[in-house]
Amino acid sequence: MLICRDAELSPLDGALRAAFRHMRDASSFAEAQREALMEDQRRWLESLDECWRARERMRDCVKRSQERRLQHLRDWAAARPVKP
């Protein structure tokens, strides 16, 4: 609910979903790369749970986590050319 109702977090979440799906669905990714991406995503989601424990700083924690994840996905895509 926090992400969906926040004017700044919601668009970040959409950008994250788009970046992840683009990479996951890329035909240029070998199966091992796709599996590594999926595992990396699972680990990130688990780390995002730590933000819910931050209580009073939860929004800032989520925002920082989203921004870092988006940059990570962009860096990963730049290092591994992705074809749609």
Protein backbone atom coordinates (compact mmCIF):
# COMPACT_ATOMS: atom_id res chain seq x y z
CA MET A 1 0.00 0.00 0.00
CA LEU A 2 2.85 2.38 0.81
CA ILE A 3 4.29 2.07 -2.68
CA CYS A 4 0.98 2.20 -4.54
CA ARG A 5 -0.21 5.33 -2.76
CA ASP A 6 3.04 7.28 -2.96
CA ALA A 7 3.49 9.63 -5.91
CA GLU A 8 7.25 9.05 -5.95
CA LEU A 9 7.49 5.35 -5.05
CA SER A 10 4.79 4.14 -7.42
CA PRO A 11 6.55 5.31 -10.63
CA LEU A 12 9.83 3.86 -9.33
CA ASP A 13 8.06 0.55 -8.80
CA GLY A 14 6.73 0.68 -12.36
CA ALA A 15 10.20 1.38 -13.73
CA LEU A 16 11.59 -1.53 -11.71
CA ARG A 17 8.93 -3.90 -13.02
CA ALA A 18 9.55 -2.82 -16.60
CA ALA A 19 13.34 -3.13 -16.31
CA PHE A 20 13.10 -6.55 -14.68
CA ARG A 21 10.57 -7.91 -17.19
CA HIS A 22 12.60 -6.57 -20.11
CA MET A 23 15.67 -8.40 -18.90
CA ARG A 24 13.82 -11.55 -17.85
CA ASP A 25 12.11 -11.85 -21.23
CA ALA A 26 15.15 -10.97 -23.35
CA SER A 27 15.90 -13.60 -25.95
CA SER A 28 19.62 -12.87 -25.68
CA PHE A 29 19.77 -14.14 -22.09
CA ALA A 30 20.94 -17.69 -21.66
CA GLU A 31 18.95 -19.80 -19.23
CA ALA A 32 21.72 -19.52 -16.61
CA GLN A 33 21.62 -15.70 -16.87
CA ARG A 34 17.85 -15.72 -16.50
CA GLU A 35 18.10 -17.96 -13.43
CA ALA A 36 20.75 -15.66 -11.92
CA LEU A 37 18.48 -12.67 -12.55
CA MET A 38 15.55 -14.43 -10.87
CA GLU A 39 17.68 -15.33 -7.84
CA ASP A 40 19.02 -11.78 -7.65
CA GLN A 41 15.43 -10.48 -7.72
CA ARG A 42 14.40 -12.86 -4.92
CA ARG A 43 17.32 -11.68 -2.78
CA TRP A 44 16.42 -8.04 -3.42
CA LEU A 45 12.78 -8.63 -2.45
CA GLU A 46 13.93 -10.30 0.76
CA SER A 47 16.18 -7.33 1.53
CA LEU A 48 13.28 -4.97 0.86
CA ASP A 49 11.46 -6.64 3.75
CA GLU A 50 14.03 -5.05 6.04
CA CYS A 51 12.49 -1.67 5.23
CA TRP A 52 9.21 -2.70 6.84
CA ARG A 53 11.10 -3.04 10.11
CA ALA A 54 12.38 0.55 9.83
CA ARG A 55 8.92 1.88 10.80
CA GLU A 56 9.45 5.64 11.01
CA ARG A 57 11.97 5.64 8.15
CA MET A 58 10.18 3.01 6.08
CA ARG A 59 9.42 5.24 3.08
CA ASP A 60 13.00 6.49 2.83
CA CYS A 61 14.32 2.94 3.11
CA VAL A 62 11.98 1.72 0.36
CA LYS A 63 12.90 4.63 -1.90
CA ARG A 64 16.64 4.06 -1.47
CA SER A 65 16.21 0.35 -2.06
CA GLN A 66 14.16 0.94 -5.23
CA GLU A 67 16.66 3.45 -6.58
CA ARG A 68 19.61 1.13 -5.91
CA ARG A 69 17.80 -1.82 -7.48
CA LEU A 70 16.87 0.15 -10.59
CA GLN A 71 20.48 1.27 -11.02
CA HIS A 72 21.66 -2.30 -10.48
CA LEU A 73 19.31 -3.57 -13.19
CA ARG A 74 20.42 -0.82 -15.56
CA ASP A 75 24.09 -1.61 -14.90
CA TRP A 76 23.42 -5.31 -15.41
CA ALA A 77 21.63 -4.64 -18.71
CA ALA A 78 24.48 -2.38 -19.88
CA ALA A 79 27.02 -5.10 -19.13
CA ARG A 80 24.93 -7.75 -20.88
CA PRO A 81 23.35 -6.44 -24.07
CA VAL A 82 19.69 -7.37 -24.02
CA LYS A 83 17.71 -7.99 -27.19
CA PRO A 84 13.91 -7.92 -26.93
